[in-house]
């Protein structure tokens, strides 16, 4: 039985910072966050947790909902919340004579029963940071950047602030009757061929798409989600490791609704005008939502997104195609997920293969989101 949040004054236990995924894969999944985790204060406390707790103390209302006197996980049966990192990435885009660096972190406000290790809810959060750089950053410079992002507010953004902001607007329950999960992400042959041409890892791109899809769905519709665990979810469990050294498998609830997404193709072309170039990027996909109990699909629609970039010839611009395809993919996931909180006929006309005929299917799918809140 899950622990009860019987009274408004009941506190949640705070477990601090955690990595999603098996310990052995941390260096591959989170190469810089893992190294920041190793920094400790003079008393041996991980700086990640120290800074996190300091930030909580500056937010009395949110701090009042949490107890940081956690002790060892597994004692008692009280709802516990954690910062669970799910994705880390650095990428560069060259445009004109500039290089733009993009840093991305995805993480969850994760709630679970610390005794049974049963997941209760997960609410994804995104951090995005970019800056113009002269050259691609060295390994040491990237580590310094991640330290600055995690441990300070010098760049005007901090993941712990974003986590607390999200936590502040949540009313966590001890039990959710219905659960939704991004279950399968597939790459069809034409999409796989493009990844091969770009010398990109299909596995890494699948993980990226899954993270973006679940974050878009949860954020745009304000619902919890059963987390996608990159290659680690086996037998309905997800590996977790905390900054204080605790490690265990988190039991995942069986999803009532499963979301599948297939990337069908990346297609593009260029159109030359007298003074400019137009670069056209299109990503085609298929989104399905399945009612597990009924063994039937509530939604099964082909969708696509098109991005048009105009480049003035006088600037002699340089633009890499792949970052634009990736951006177009993210926009497709984000805009599609918004339809479950209100179908936009203009979006259907521009981005659904069946156009207005798909409206009924999207409206039917939107009904399940009320059951998830």
Protein backbone atom coordinates (compact mmCIF):
# COMPACT_ATOMS: atom_id res chain seq x y z
CA UNK A 1 0.00 0.00 0.00
CA UNK A 2 1.28 3.45 -0.88
CA UNK A 3 1.83 5.98 1.92
CA UNK A 4 -0.96 8.45 2.49
CA UNK A 5 -0.70 12.22 2.33
CA UNK A 6 -3.53 12.52 4.78
CA UNK A 7 -2.99 16.07 5.97
CA UNK A 8 -1.88 19.29 4.36
CA UNK A 9 0.94 19.56 6.92
CA UNK A 10 2.40 16.15 6.07
CA UNK A 11 5.91 16.67 4.77
CA UNK A 12 7.52 14.99 1.82
CA UNK A 13 10.98 13.56 2.26
CA UNK A 14 13.66 15.10 0.06
CA UNK A 15 16.17 12.67 -1.45
CA UNK A 16 18.24 15.22 -3.36
CA UNK A 17 19.99 14.69 -6.68
CA UNK A 18 19.80 11.39 -8.56
CA UNK A 19 20.84 9.90 -11.89
CA UNK A 20 18.37 7.81 -13.88
CA UNK A 21 20.00 4.72 -15.37
CA UNK A 22 22.41 2.02 -14.31
CA UNK A 23 25.57 3.11 -12.49
CA UNK A 24 27.78 1.56 -15.16
CA UNK A 25 26.25 3.78 -17.86
CA UNK A 26 26.45 7.12 -16.04
CA UNK A 27 29.64 8.25 -17.78
CA UNK A 28 28.05 7.61 -21.16
CA UNK A 29 24.70 9.21 -20.36
CA UNK A 30 25.85 12.15 -18.21
CA UNK A 31 29.61 12.70 -18.79
CA UNK A 32 29.80 16.15 -17.18
CA UNK A 33 27.08 15.96 -14.54
CA UNK A 34 28.77 12.83 -13.18
CA UNK A 35 32.01 14.75 -12.71
CA UNK A 36 30.27 17.70 -11.05
CA UNK A 37 28.71 15.19 -8.63
CA UNK A 38 32.20 14.28 -7.42
CA UNK A 39 32.88 17.76 -6.02
CA UNK A 40 32.36 17.86 -2.25
CA UNK A 41 32.64 20.44 0.52
CA UNK A 42 35.08 20.20 3.44
CA UNK A 43 32.65 17.92 5.30
CA UNK A 44 32.35 15.48 2.42
CA UNK A 45 28.85 16.57 1.38
CA UNK A 46 28.26 16.54 -2.41
CA UNK A 47 28.08 20.14 -3.61
CA UNK A 48 25.10 19.27 -5.80
CA UNK A 49 22.99 18.44 -2.75
CA UNK A 50 24.46 21.28 -0.69
CA UNK A 51 23.56 23.92 -3.29
CA UNK A 52 20.15 22.31 -3.82
CA UNK A 53 19.33 22.49 -0.10
CA UNK A 54 20.62 26.08 0.12
CA UNK A 55 18.25 27.05 -2.67
CA UNK A 56 15.36 25.34 -0.92
CA UNK A 57 16.06 27.34 2.24
CA UNK A 58 15.60 30.51 0.18
CA UNK A 59 12.07 29.37 -0.70
CA UNK A 60 10.34 29.01 2.72
CA UNK A 61 7.01 27.82 1.30
CA UNK A 62 8.58 25.01 -0.73
CA UNK A 63 11.11 24.22 1.98
CA UNK A 64 8.23 23.89 4.43
CA UNK A 65 6.77 21.04 2.34
CA UNK A 66 9.99 19.03 2.53
CA UNK A 67 12.05 17.30 5.15
CA UNK A 68 15.75 16.97 4.39
CA UNK A 69 16.32 14.67 7.38
CA UNK A 70 16.07 11.65 5.15
CA UNK A 71 18.51 9.19 6.66
CA UNK A 72 18.92 5.98 4.72
CA UNK A 73 16.36 5.30 2.01
CA UNK A 74 14.20 2.31 2.75
CA UNK A 75 13.22 3.22 6.31
CA UNK A 76 9.57 4.04 6.92
CA UNK A 77 6.90 4.57 4.31
CA UNK A 78 6.69 8.21 3.40
CA UNK A 79 6.46 9.88 0.01
CA UNK A 80 9.89 10.98 -1.16
CA UNK A 81 10.79 13.44 -3.91
CA UNK A 82 14.02 13.76 -5.84
CA UNK A 83 15.72 15.58 -8.69
CA UNK A 84 16.20 12.79 -11.26
CA UNK A 85 18.46 13.61 -14.21
CA UNK A 86 17.39 11.91 -17.45
CA UNK A 87 19.34 13.63 -20.23
CA UNK A 88 22.49 15.71 -20.81
CA UNK A 89 23.78 17.03 -24.12
CA UNK A 90 26.11 19.58 -25.71
CA UNK A 91 25.86 20.52 -29.37
CA UNK A 92 27.15 23.20 -31.72
CA UNK A 93 25.64 25.04 -34.68
CA UNK A 94 27.79 27.06 -37.11
CA UNK A 95 25.95 30.01 -38.65
CA UNK A 96 27.68 32.70 -40.66
CA UNK A 97 31.03 33.25 -38.91
CA UNK A 98 29.74 32.25 -35.49
CA UNK A 99 29.57 29.05 -33.50
CA UNK A 100 26.60 28.67 -31.17
CA UNK A 101 26.88 26.19 -28.31
CA UNK A 102 23.71 24.61 -26.89
CA UNK A 103 23.54 22.89 -23.49
CA UNK A 104 20.52 20.75 -22.66
CA UNK A 105 19.47 19.04 -19.43
CA UNK A 106 16.24 17.10 -18.88
CA UNK A 107 15.23 16.02 -15.39
CA UNK A 108 12.20 15.00 -13.37
CA UNK A 109 10.45 16.05 -10.20
CA UNK A 110 10.25 12.42 -9.12
CA UNK A 111 7.96 11.18 -6.33
CA UNK A 112 8.18 7.65 -4.94
CA UNK A 113 7.51 5.55 -1.84
CA UNK A 114 10.91 5.11 -0.24
CA UNK A 115 9.95 1.83 1.46
CA UNK A 116 8.48 -0.04 -1.49
CA UNK A 117 10.56 1.90 -4.08
CA UNK A 118 7.32 2.38 -6.04
CA UNK A 119 7.12 5.30 -8.44
CA UNK A 120 4.21 7.63 -7.69
CA UNK A 121 4.66 10.40 -10.25
CA UNK A 122 7.24 12.07 -12.47
CA UNK A 123 7.01 15.59 -13.87
CA UNK A 124 9.69 16.41 -16.49
CA UNK A 125 11.54 19.75 -16.60
CA UNK A 126 13.87 21.18 -19.28
CA UNK A 127 16.93 23.41 -19.00
CA UNK A 128 18.22 25.12 -22.14
CA UNK A 129 21.30 27.35 -22.35
CA UNK A 130 23.12 28.72 -25.39
CA UNK A 131 25.95 31.13 -26.07
CA UNK A 132 28.16 32.24 -28.95
CA UNK A 133 31.68 30.82 -28.68
CA UNK A 134 34.85 31.36 -30.71
CA UNK A 135 35.70 27.67 -30.88
CA UNK A 136 34.23 24.43 -29.63
CA UNK A 137 34.86 24.22 -25.90
CA UNK A 138 37.56 21.99 -24.51
CA UNK A 139 36.75 19.24 -22.05
CA UNK A 140 37.97 21.39 -19.15
CA UNK A 141 35.91 24.37 -20.34
CA UNK A 142 32.79 22.21 -20.59
CA UNK A 143 33.31 20.90 -17.07
CA UNK A 144 33.63 24.48 -15.80
CA UNK A 145 30.43 25.37 -17.67
CA UNK A 146 28.50 22.53 -16.05
CA UNK A 147 29.86 23.50 -12.61
CA UNK A 148 28.67 27.05 -13.20
CA UNK A 149 25.24 25.88 -14.36
CA UNK A 150 24.72 23.53 -11.40
CA UNK A 151 26.41 25.38 -8.56
CA UNK A 152 25.78 29.08 -9.29
CA UNK A 153 23.37 31.53 -10.91
CA UNK A 154 26.15 33.35 -12.74
CA UNK A 155 24.58 32.58 -16.14
CA UNK A 156 21.06 33.47 -15.06
CA UNK A 157 19.79 29.89 -15.02
CA UNK A 158 20.05 26.97 -12.62
CA UNK A 159 18.46 23.49 -12.79
CA UNK A 160 17.61 23.43 -9.09
CA UNK A 161 15.69 26.70 -9.39
CA UNK A 162 13.72 25.21 -12.29
CA UNK A 163 13.04 22.05 -10.27
CA UNK A 164 11.80 24.08 -7.29
CA UNK A 165 9.64 26.24 -9.59
CA UNK A 166 7.99 23.09 -10.95
CA UNK A 167 7.63 21.53 -7.51
CA UNK A 168 6.00 24.73 -6.24
CA UNK A 169 3.05 24.37 -8.62
CA UNK A 170 2.50 20.65 -8.02
CA UNK A 171 0.01 19.09 -5.64
CA UNK A 172 1.47 15.62 -5.38
CA UNK A 173 -0.95 12.86 -4.50
CA UNK A 174 -0.10 9.55 -2.90
CA UNK A 175 -1.92 7.66 -5.65
CA UNK A 176 -2.66 8.19 -9.34
CA UNK A 177 -5.34 5.96 -10.85
CA UNK A 178 -4.11 6.16 -14.44
CA UNK A 179 -0.61 6.24 -15.89
CA UNK A 180 0.83 7.16 -19.27
CA UNK A 181 4.26 6.28 -20.64
CA UNK A 182 6.24 6.86 -23.82
CA UNK A 183 6.75 3.19 -24.64
CA UNK A 184 8.32 2.85 -28.08
CA UNK A 185 10.30 5.20 -30.31
CA UNK A 186 11.24 3.80 -33.69
CA UNK A 187 13.23 4.97 -36.71
CA UNK A 188 11.91 3.84 -40.07
CA UNK A 189 14.40 2.95 -42.87
CA UNK A 190 14.46 6.38 -44.53
CA UNK A 191 15.11 8.09 -41.18
CA UNK A 192 17.79 5.54 -40.29
CA UNK A 193 19.53 6.20 -43.59
CA UNK A 194 19.73 9.91 -42.76
CA UNK A 195 21.24 9.18 -39.34
CA UNK A 196 23.78 6.92 -41.02
CA UNK A 197 24.69 9.68 -43.48
CA UNK A 198 25.24 12.04 -40.54
CA UNK A 199 27.28 9.40 -38.64
CA UNK A 200 24.89 9.61 -35.70
CA UNK A 201 23.94 6.94 -33.17
CA UNK A 202 20.35 5.69 -33.66
CA UNK A 203 20.20 4.69 -29.99
CA UNK A 204 21.21 8.16 -28.82
CA UNK A 205 18.67 9.82 -31.11
CA UNK A 206 15.89 7.49 -29.96
CA UNK A 207 16.67 8.39 -26.33
CA UNK A 208 16.65 12.08 -27.22
CA UNK A 209 13.30 11.86 -29.01
CA UNK A 210 11.75 9.86 -26.16
CA UNK A 211 12.92 12.41 -23.58
CA UNK A 212 11.64 15.32 -25.63
CA UNK A 213 8.31 13.63 -26.30
CA UNK A 214 7.58 12.76 -22.68
CA UNK A 215 8.69 16.21 -21.51
CA UNK A 216 6.48 17.93 -24.08
CA UNK A 217 3.46 15.79 -23.21
CA UNK A 218 3.84 16.27 -19.46
CA UNK A 219 4.69 19.98 -19.57
CA UNK A 220 2.09 21.08 -22.10
CA UNK A 221 -0.70 19.13 -20.42
CA UNK A 222 0.43 19.38 -16.77
CA UNK A 223 0.29 15.64 -16.16
CA UNK A 224 2.75 13.20 -14.57
CA UNK A 225 4.30 10.51 -16.70
CA UNK A 226 5.96 7.14 -16.18
CA UNK A 227 9.56 7.99 -17.12
CA UNK A 228 11.32 6.69 -20.17
CA UNK A 229 14.48 5.03 -18.90
CA UNK A 230 17.17 4.92 -21.61
CA UNK A 231 17.87 1.25 -22.06
CA UNK A 232 17.50 0.50 -18.36
CA UNK A 233 13.84 -0.37 -17.81
CA UNK A 234 13.75 -4.14 -17.38
CA UNK A 235 10.83 -5.93 -15.74
CA UNK A 236 9.12 -2.63 -14.85
CA UNK A 237 12.06 -1.24 -12.87
CA UNK A 238 14.33 1.76 -13.43
CA UNK A 239 17.80 2.04 -11.94
CA UNK A 240 18.47 5.10 -9.75
CA UNK A 241 21.64 6.33 -8.06
CA UNK A 242 21.67 9.26 -5.63
CA UNK A 243 24.45 11.74 -4.93
CA UNK A 244 24.67 10.48 -1.33
CA UNK A 245 25.61 6.99 -2.55
CA UNK A 246 22.21 5.29 -2.33
CA UNK A 247 21.33 3.11 -5.32
CA UNK A 248 18.28 0.96 -6.02
CA UNK A 249 15.77 -0.06 -8.67
CA UNK A 250 12.59 2.00 -8.74
CA UNK A 251 9.44 -0.02 -9.44
CA UNK A 252 7.41 1.46 -12.27
CA UNK A 253 3.61 1.23 -12.43
CA UNK A 254 2.06 -0.49 -15.41
CA UNK A 255 0.98 2.15 -17.90
CA UNK A 256 -2.72 2.36 -18.75
CA UNK A 257 -1.88 4.31 -21.89
CA UNK A 258 1.21 3.89 -24.04
CA UNK A 259 2.59 6.44 -26.47
CA UNK A 260 4.50 5.23 -29.52
CA UNK A 261 6.31 7.49 -31.96
CA UNK A 262 7.98 6.64 -35.25
CA UNK A 263 10.28 8.98 -37.15
CA UNK A 264 9.47 8.18 -40.76
CA UNK A 265 11.79 10.50 -42.68
CA UNK A 266 13.88 13.66 -42.80
CA UNK A 267 13.38 15.50 -46.09
CA UNK A 268 14.72 18.81 -47.30
CA UNK A 269 15.47 20.97 -50.28
CA UNK A 270 16.97 24.34 -51.21
CA UNK A 271 15.41 27.09 -53.30
CA UNK A 272 17.65 29.80 -54.75
CA UNK A 273 16.44 33.38 -55.10
CA UNK A 274 18.43 36.30 -56.57
CA UNK A 275 19.61 37.53 -53.15
CA UNK A 276 18.96 34.59 -50.85
CA UNK A 277 18.63 30.88 -50.32
CA UNK A 278 15.62 29.18 -48.81
CA UNK A 279 16.40 26.01 -46.88
CA UNK A 280 13.37 23.80 -46.31
CA UNK A 281 13.44 21.07 -43.65
CA UNK A 282 10.63 18.59 -43.05
CA UNK A 283 10.33 15.80 -40.47
CA UNK A 284 7.63 13.15 -40.88
CA UNK A 285 6.41 10.99 -38.00
CA UNK A 286 3.61 8.79 -36.72
CA UNK A 287 2.12 9.21 -33.25
CA UNK A 288 0.05 6.51 -31.58
CA UNK A 289 -1.66 6.36 -28.18
CA UNK A 290 -2.76 2.90 -27.10
CA UNK A 291 -5.31 1.93 -24.47
CA UNK A 292 -3.52 -1.06 -22.95
CA UNK A 293 -6.57 -2.66 -21.32
CA UNK A 294 -8.71 -2.34 -24.44
CA UNK A 295 -5.77 -3.36 -26.66
CA UNK A 296 -6.75 -0.66 -29.14
CA UNK A 297 -5.38 2.63 -30.40
CA UNK A 298 -7.06 5.86 -29.36
CA UNK A 299 -4.86 7.81 -31.76
CA UNK A 300 -2.88 6.72 -34.83
CA UNK A 301 -1.96 9.68 -37.01
CA UNK A 302 0.77 10.61 -39.46
CA UNK A 303 2.12 14.07 -38.66
CA UNK A 304 4.87 16.31 -39.96
CA UNK A 305 6.57 19.65 -39.35
CA UNK A 306 8.19 21.99 -41.85
CA UNK A 307 10.79 24.67 -41.16
CA UNK A 308 11.81 27.27 -43.76
CA UNK A 309 14.99 29.30 -43.24
CA UNK A 310 15.89 32.24 -45.48
CA UNK A 311 19.62 32.97 -45.76
CA UNK A 312 20.85 36.25 -47.27
CA UNK A 313 23.65 35.58 -49.77
CA UNK A 314 25.55 38.76 -48.86
CA UNK A 315 26.41 37.29 -45.44
CA UNK A 316 27.89 34.11 -46.97
CA UNK A 317 25.97 32.07 -44.38
CA UNK A 318 26.85 28.57 -43.24
CA UNK A 319 24.22 26.33 -41.74
CA UNK A 320 24.47 22.68 -40.82
CA UNK A 321 21.47 20.67 -41.92
CA UNK A 322 21.30 18.16 -39.08
CA UNK A 323 20.74 20.67 -36.22
CA UNK A 324 17.83 22.07 -38.23
CA UNK A 325 16.30 18.62 -38.68
CA UNK A 326 16.67 18.05 -34.94
CA UNK A 327 15.03 21.41 -34.17
CA UNK A 328 12.20 20.60 -36.58
CA UNK A 329 11.71 17.26 -34.82
CA UNK A 330 11.48 18.92 -31.40
CA UNK A 331 8.96 21.44 -32.70
CA UNK A 332 6.86 18.60 -34.11
CA UNK A 333 6.81 16.83 -30.74
CA UNK A 334 6.05 20.01 -28.82
CA UNK A 335 3.29 21.32 -31.06
CA UNK A 336 1.66 17.90 -31.37
CA UNK A 337 1.54 17.44 -27.60
CA UNK A 338 -0.24 20.79 -27.21
CA UNK A 339 -3.22 19.43 -29.14
CA UNK A 340 -4.24 17.31 -26.14
CA UNK A 341 -5.11 20.46 -24.19
CA UNK A 342 -7.00 22.05 -27.07
CA UNK A 343 -7.03 21.07 -30.71
CA UNK A 344 -5.91 23.83 -33.08
CA UNK A 345 -7.55 23.45 -36.52
CA UNK A 346 -4.76 25.53 -38.08
CA UNK A 347 -2.16 23.10 -36.76
CA UNK A 348 -4.15 20.14 -38.08
CA UNK A 349 -4.27 21.69 -41.53
CA UNK A 350 -0.53 22.39 -41.51
CA UNK A 351 0.83 19.31 -39.74
CA UNK A 352 -1.60 16.35 -39.79
CA UNK A 353 -1.67 14.17 -42.90
CA UNK A 354 -5.46 13.84 -42.62
CA UNK A 355 -5.77 17.55 -41.82
CA UNK A 356 -9.22 18.37 -40.39
CA UNK A 357 -10.31 14.74 -40.55
CA UNK A 358 -7.90 14.02 -37.69
CA UNK A 359 -9.66 16.42 -35.30
CA UNK A 360 -11.98 13.77 -33.86
CA UNK A 361 -9.10 11.43 -33.07
CA UNK A 362 -7.14 14.16 -31.28
CA UNK A 363 -10.21 15.23 -29.30
CA UNK A 364 -10.83 11.64 -28.24
CA UNK A 365 -7.21 11.26 -27.16
CA UNK A 366 -7.38 14.49 -25.16
CA UNK A 367 -10.04 12.93 -22.89
CA UNK A 368 -7.53 10.56 -21.30
CA UNK A 369 -5.41 13.44 -19.99
CA UNK A 370 -8.12 14.45 -17.51
CA UNK A 371 -7.77 10.96 -16.00
CA UNK A 372 -4.03 11.45 -15.46
CA UNK A 373 -4.18 14.60 -13.32
